[in-house]
C-alpha atoms as a PDB file:
ATOM      1  CA  MET A   1      -0.024  -0.031   0.102  1.00  0.00           C
ATOM      2  CA  LYS A   2       2.843   2.469   0.766  1.00  0.00           C
ATOM      3  CA  LYS A   3       4.473   1.770  -2.760  1.00  0.00           C
ATOM      4  CA  LEU A   4       1.123   2.652  -4.466  1.00  0.00           C
ATOM      5  CA  LYS A   5       0.998   5.852  -2.314  1.00  0.00           C
ATOM      6  CA  LEU A   6       4.490   6.872  -3.307  1.00  0.00           C
ATOM      7  CA  VAL A   7       3.664   6.263  -6.992  1.00  0.00           C
ATOM      8  CA  ILE A   8       0.378   8.339  -6.883  1.00  0.00           C
ATOM      9  CA  LEU A   9       2.343  11.281  -4.875  1.00  0.00           C
ATOM     10  CA  PHE A  10       5.243  10.979  -7.712  1.00  0.00           C
ATOM     11  CA  ILE A  11       2.618  11.266 -10.346  1.00  0.00           C
ATOM     12  CA  PHE A  12       0.927  14.373  -8.811  1.00  0.00           C
ATOM     13  CA  ILE A  13       4.464  16.030  -8.238  1.00  0.00           C
ATOM     14  CA  ALA A  14       5.504  15.014 -11.655  1.00  0.00           C
ATOM     15  CA  ASN A  15       2.207  16.562 -13.038  1.00  0.00           C
ATOM     16  CA  SER A  16       2.695  19.486 -10.926  1.00  0.00           C
ATOM     17  CA  VAL A  17       6.212  20.271 -12.203  1.00  0.00           C
ATOM     18  CA  PHE A  18       4.961  20.133 -15.754  1.00  0.00           C
ATOM     19  CA  ALA A  19       1.966  22.416 -15.208  1.00  0.00           C
ATOM     20  CA  GLU A  20       1.778  26.062 -15.372  1.00  0.00           C
ATOM     21  CA  GLU A  21      -0.931  28.311 -14.329  1.00  0.00           C
ATOM     22  CA  LEU A  22      -1.630  31.849 -15.866  1.00  0.00           C
ATOM     23  CA  TYR A  23      -3.695  34.471 -14.277  1.00  0.00           C
ATOM     24  CA  LEU A  24      -4.573  37.861 -16.199  1.00  0.00           C
ATOM     25  CA  ARG A  25      -6.578  40.791 -15.726  1.00  0.00           C
ATOM     26  CA  CYS A  26      -6.955  42.991 -18.638  1.00  0.00           C
ATOM     27  CA  ILE A  27      -8.474  46.882 -18.383  1.00  0.00           C
ATOM     28  CA  PRO A  28     -10.435  47.325 -21.729  1.00  0.00           C
ATOM     29  CA  LYS A  29     -10.552  50.863 -22.920  1.00  0.00           C
ATOM     30  CA  ILE A  30     -12.872  51.708 -25.885  1.00  0.00           C
ATOM     31  CA  THR A  31     -10.866  53.042 -28.739  1.00  0.00           C
ATOM     32  CA  GLN A  32     -13.455  53.544 -31.540  1.00  0.00           C
ATOM     33  CA  VAL A  33     -17.353  53.597 -31.393  1.00  0.00           C
ATOM     34  CA  ARG A  34     -18.930  53.035 -34.794  1.00  0.00           C
ATOM     35  CA  GLN A  35     -22.611  52.773 -33.561  1.00  0.00           C
ATOM     36  CA  GLY A  36     -24.183  52.926 -29.821  1.00  0.00           C
ATOM     37  CA  ASP A  37     -23.925  55.134 -27.107  1.00  0.00           C
ATOM     38  CA  PHE A  38     -20.707  54.281 -25.888  1.00  0.00           C
ATOM     39  CA  LYS A  39     -17.907  57.012 -25.627  1.00  0.00           C
ATOM     40  CA  LYS A  40     -14.391  56.586 -26.861  1.00  0.00           C
ATOM     41  CA  GLY A  41     -12.092  56.192 -23.654  1.00  0.00           C
ATOM     42  CA  GLU A  42     -14.881  54.816 -21.495  1.00  0.00           C
ATOM     43  CA  ILE A  43     -13.498  51.642 -19.556  1.00  0.00           C
ATOM     44  CA  LEU A  44     -15.393  48.284 -19.999  1.00  0.00           C
ATOM     45  CA  GLN A  45     -15.963  45.563 -17.464  1.00  0.00           C
ATOM     46  CA  HIS A  46     -12.256  44.094 -16.760  1.00  0.00           C
ATOM     47  CA  ARG A  47     -11.514  40.740 -18.473  1.00  0.00           C
ATOM     48  CA  ILE A  48      -9.997  38.041 -16.301  1.00  0.00           C
ATOM     49  CA  LEU A  49      -8.228  35.017 -17.834  1.00  0.00           C
ATOM     50  CA  TYR A  50      -7.180  31.730 -16.134  1.00  0.00           C
ATOM     51  CA  ALA A  51      -5.140  29.309 -17.901  1.00  0.00           C
ATOM     52  CA  LYS A  52      -3.492  25.897 -16.821  1.00  0.00           C
ATOM     53  CA  PHE A  53      -0.858  24.857 -19.328  1.00  0.00           C
ATOM     54  CA  LYS A  54       0.700  21.200 -19.618  1.00  0.00           C
ATOM     55  CA  MET A  55       3.512  19.813 -21.363  1.00  0.00           C
ATOM     56  CA  GLU A  56       2.244  16.936 -23.731  1.00  0.00           C
ATOM     57  CA  TYR A  57       3.504  14.753 -26.618  1.00  0.00           C
ATOM     58  CA  ASP A  58       1.799  14.564 -29.866  1.00  0.00           C
ATOM     59  CA  LEU A  59       4.142  12.221 -32.047  1.00  0.00           C
ATOM     60  CA  THR A  60       1.816  13.101 -35.020  1.00  0.00           C
ATOM     61  CA  GLU A  61       3.635  16.467 -34.979  1.00  0.00           C
ATOM     62  CA  SER A  62       6.903  16.070 -33.160  1.00  0.00           C
ATOM     63  CA  ASP A  63       9.022  14.176 -30.929  1.00  0.00           C
ATOM     64  CA  GLU A  64       9.468  17.290 -28.639  1.00  0.00           C
ATOM     65  CA  PRO A  65       6.763  17.902 -25.766  1.00  0.00           C
ATOM     66  CA  LYS A  66       4.189  21.002 -26.720  1.00  0.00           C
ATOM     67  CA  LYS A  67       2.582  23.309 -24.131  1.00  0.00           C
ATOM     68  CA  VAL A  68      -1.116  22.938 -24.449  1.00  0.00           C
ATOM     69  CA  VAL A  69      -3.917  24.542 -22.517  1.00  0.00           C
ATOM     70  CA  LYS A  70      -5.505  21.865 -20.246  1.00  0.00           C
ATOM     71  CA  LYS A  71      -8.114  24.452 -18.603  1.00  0.00           C
ATOM     72  CA  LEU A  72      -9.278  28.010 -19.615  1.00  0.00           C
ATOM     73  CA  LYS A  73     -12.024  30.341 -18.065  1.00  0.00           C
ATOM     74  CA  THR A  74     -12.747  33.955 -18.806  1.00  0.00           C
ATOM     75  CA  TYR A  75     -14.589  36.075 -16.760  1.00  0.00           C
ATOM     76  CA  LEU A  76     -16.047  39.752 -16.623  1.00  0.00           C
ATOM     77  CA  THR A  77     -15.581  41.721 -13.160  1.00  0.00           C
ATOM     78  CA  ASN A  78     -18.311  44.233 -12.230  1.00  0.00           C
ATOM     79  CA  SER A  79     -17.545  47.582 -10.541  1.00  0.00           C
ATOM     80  CA  LYS A  80     -17.415  45.881  -7.009  1.00  0.00           C
ATOM     81  CA  GLY A  81     -14.973  43.035  -8.407  1.00  0.00           C
ATOM     82  CA  LYS A  82     -17.223  40.280  -8.555  1.00  0.00           C
ATOM     83  CA  LYS A  83     -16.476  37.824 -11.385  1.00  0.00           C
ATOM     84  CA  ASP A  84     -19.086  36.805 -13.795  1.00  0.00           C
ATOM     85  CA  LYS A  85     -18.331  33.665 -16.270  1.00  0.00           C
ATOM     86  CA  PHE A  86     -17.749  34.785 -19.754  1.00  0.00           C
ATOM     87  CA  SER A  87     -17.624  32.340 -22.561  1.00  0.00           C
ATOM     88  CA  PHE A  88     -16.861  32.106 -26.057  1.00  0.00           C
ATOM     89  CA  ASP A  89     -17.604  29.450 -28.680  1.00  0.00           C
ATOM     90  CA  ASN A  90     -14.038  29.472 -30.243  1.00  0.00           C
ATOM     91  CA  ILE A  91     -10.878  29.618 -28.386  1.00  0.00           C
ATOM     92  CA  TYR A  92      -7.239  29.270 -30.116  1.00  0.00           C
ATOM     93  CA  TYR A  93      -3.973  29.429 -28.408  1.00  0.00           C
ATOM     94  CA  SER A  94      -0.554  29.676 -29.913  1.00  0.00           C
ATOM     95  CA  GLU A  95       2.870  30.104 -28.798  1.00  0.00           C
ATOM     96  CA  ASN A  96       6.092  30.820 -30.425  1.00  0.00           C
ATOM     97  CA  ASP A  97       9.710  31.703 -29.331  1.00  0.00           C
ATOM     98  CA  LYS A  98       8.753  34.613 -27.068  1.00  0.00           C
ATOM     99  CA  THR A  99       5.371  35.326 -28.175  1.00  0.00           C
ATOM    100  CA  ARG A 100       1.918  33.772 -26.790  1.00  0.00           C
ATOM    101  CA  SER A 101      -1.586  34.401 -28.029  1.00  0.00           C
ATOM    102  CA  PHE A 102      -5.058  33.580 -27.118  1.00  0.00           C
ATOM    103  CA  ASP A 103      -7.814  34.325 -29.595  1.00  0.00           C
ATOM    104  CA  PHE A 104     -11.431  34.236 -28.813  1.00  0.00           C
ATOM    105  CA  ASP A 105     -14.581  34.758 -30.759  1.00  0.00           C
ATOM    106  CA  ASP A 106     -18.409  34.255 -30.052  1.00  0.00           C
ATOM    107  CA  GLN A 107     -21.463  34.445 -32.148  1.00  0.00           C
ATOM    108  CA  TYR A 108     -24.942  34.197 -31.050  1.00  0.00           C
ATOM    109  CA  GLU A 109     -28.378  34.964 -33.017  1.00  0.00           C
ATOM    110  CA  SER A 110     -32.119  34.827 -32.210  1.00  0.00           C
ATOM    111  CA  LYS A 111     -35.123  36.352 -33.619  1.00  0.00           C
ATOM    112  CA  THR A 112     -34.789  39.633 -31.755  1.00  0.00           C
ATOM    113  CA  PHE A 113     -30.909  39.640 -30.956  1.00  0.00           C
ATOM    114  CA  ARG A 114     -27.562  38.972 -32.781  1.00  0.00           C
ATOM    115  CA  SER A 115     -24.080  39.382 -31.321  1.00  0.00           C
ATOM    116  CA  PHE A 116     -20.641  38.848 -32.675  1.00  0.00           C
ATOM    117  CA  SER A 117     -17.671  39.427 -30.347  1.00  0.00           C
ATOM    118  CA  THR A 118     -13.998  38.933 -30.407  1.00  0.00           C
ATOM    119  CA  MET A 119     -11.219  39.131 -27.995  1.00  0.00           C
ATOM    120  CA  ASN A 120      -7.298  38.676 -28.238  1.00  0.00           C
ATOM    121  CA  ILE A 121      -4.782  38.545 -25.475  1.00  0.00           C
ATOM    122  CA  ASN A 122      -1.220  38.699 -26.561  1.00  0.00           C
ATOM    123  CA  TYR A 123       2.267  38.468 -24.960  1.00  0.00           C
ATOM    124  CA  ASP A 124       5.254  40.045 -26.845  1.00  0.00           C
ATOM    125  CA  GLY A 125       7.982  38.720 -24.658  1.00  0.00           C
ATOM    126  CA  ALA A 126       7.747  41.802 -22.264  1.00  0.00           C
ATOM    127  CA  SER A 127       4.094  42.698 -21.607  1.00  0.00           C
ATOM    128  CA  TRP A 128       0.501  41.351 -22.203  1.00  0.00           C
ATOM    129  CA  VAL A 129      -2.103  43.236 -23.951  1.00  0.00           C
ATOM    130  CA  GLY A 130      -5.661  42.585 -24.869  1.00  0.00           C
ATOM    131  CA  SER A 131      -8.126  43.830 -27.647  1.00  0.00           C
ATOM    132  CA  GLY A 132     -11.532  43.027 -28.907  1.00  0.00           C
ATOM    133  CA  ASN A 133     -14.510  44.023 -30.917  1.00  0.00           C
ATOM    134  CA  VAL A 134     -18.294  43.994 -29.884  1.00  0.00           C
ATOM    135  CA  ASN A 135     -21.292  44.153 -32.633  1.00  0.00           C
ATOM    136  CA  ILE A 136     -24.558  43.920 -31.195  1.00  0.00           C
ATOM    137  CA  SER A 137     -28.011  44.256 -32.850  1.00  0.00           C
ATOM    138  CA  LYS A 138     -31.185  43.903 -30.893  1.00  0.00           C
ATOM    139  CA  VAL A 139     -34.995  44.807 -31.074  1.00  0.00           C
ATOM    140  CA  ALA A 140     -36.391  46.614 -28.071  1.00  0.00           C
ATOM    141  CA  ASN A 141     -39.723  48.239 -28.108  1.00  0.00           C
ATOM    142  CA  ASP A 142     -40.078  47.641 -31.825  1.00  0.00           C
ATOM    143  CA  GLU A 143     -36.833  49.650 -32.406  1.00  0.00           C
ATOM    144  CA  LEU A 144     -33.539  48.257 -33.824  1.00  0.00           C
ATOM    145  CA  ILE A 145     -30.626  49.198 -31.527  1.00  0.00           C
ATOM    146  CA  LYS A 146     -27.008  48.616 -32.854  1.00  0.00           C
ATOM    147  CA  GLN A 147     -23.804  48.643 -30.776  1.00  0.00           C
ATOM    148  CA  ASN A 148     -20.375  48.445 -32.573  1.00  0.00           C
ATOM    149  CA  ILE A 149     -17.259  49.213 -30.420  1.00  0.00           C
ATOM    150  CA  SER A 150     -13.564  48.114 -30.503  1.00  0.00           C
ATOM    151  CA  TRP A 151     -11.428  48.380 -27.287  1.00  0.00           C
ATOM    152  CA  PHE A 152      -7.899  47.789 -26.424  1.00  0.00           C
ATOM    153  CA  GLY A 153      -6.292  47.632 -23.004  1.00  0.00           C
ATOM    154  CA  GLN A 154      -3.134  46.799 -20.899  1.00  0.00           C
ATOM    155  CA  CYS A 155      -3.289  43.269 -19.234  1.00  0.00           C
ATOM    156  CA  TYR A 156      -1.735  42.379 -15.897  1.00  0.00           C
ATOM    157  CA  GLN A 157      -0.554  39.210 -14.378  1.00  0.00           C
ATOM    158  CA  LEU A 158      -2.260  38.246 -11.054  1.00  0.00           C
ATOM    159  CA  THR A 159      -1.493  36.023  -8.043  1.00  0.00           C
ATOM    160  CA  LYS A 160      -3.785  33.100  -7.232  1.00  0.00           C
ATOM    161  CA  LYS A 161      -4.968  35.337  -4.357  1.00  0.00           C
ATOM    162  CA  GLN A 162      -5.876  38.057  -6.564  1.00  0.00           C
ATOM    163  CA  PHE A 163      -7.632  36.008  -8.797  1.00  0.00           C
ATOM    164  CA  LYS A 164      -9.631  34.188  -6.325  1.00  0.00           C
ATOM    165  CA  LYS A 165     -10.699  37.615  -4.520  1.00  0.00           C
ATOM    166  CA  PRO A 166     -10.353  40.322  -7.119  1.00  0.00           C
ATOM    167  CA  MET A 167     -10.459  43.995  -6.308  1.00  0.00           C
ATOM    168  CA  PRO A 168     -13.236  46.325  -7.613  1.00  0.00           C
ATOM    169  CA  ASN A 169     -12.364  47.798 -11.156  1.00  0.00           C
ATOM    170  CA  GLU A 170     -11.676  51.218 -10.288  1.00  0.00           C
ATOM    171  CA  LYS A 171      -9.630  50.308  -7.302  1.00  0.00           C
ATOM    172  CA  PHE A 172      -7.448  47.800  -9.327  1.00  0.00           C
ATOM    173  CA  THR A 173      -6.986  50.350 -12.433  1.00  0.00           C
ATOM    174  CA  ASN A 174      -5.723  52.967  -9.803  1.00  0.00           C
ATOM    175  CA  SER A 175      -3.431  50.395  -8.287  1.00  0.00           C
ATOM    176  CA  VAL A 176      -1.724  49.680 -11.655  1.00  0.00           C
ATOM    177  CA  LYS A 177      -1.233  53.376 -12.649  1.00  0.00           C
END
């Protein structure tokens, strides 16, 4: 029984060594308003990303292990810092020598609502940045309302503690200025 416990412990430690976790918080600032009531320069709800990576072999591609995303979650934070789940239909991750990139897109359509949004979070070897587009058309009180904006923002790495208990948006923004 002791040998089994040691084997399980070794497997857990080995998996932990090759696992990496990333916590990011992006502050999106509107850069362009094509339609809608938004204002250029307005700060949107912060975007929080959690990613867990693991080294895996895929012998169909290479004899070298490759870093793959094992778990990925995205959130929006409200003014009080509460995280709300934020999901996307399609998620892509790529990594080169010094650059890393997450690309997200989402599309939804019903009889009275249509939305398409994208988000990109990139690392250039020195810093993380995020950008995105939001395009929404909806019918309210027999009126067609359209919103179409682009945003860009600096992203900051968080600790696990900062991820678990996020600061309110304004407080976090002031802390990184």
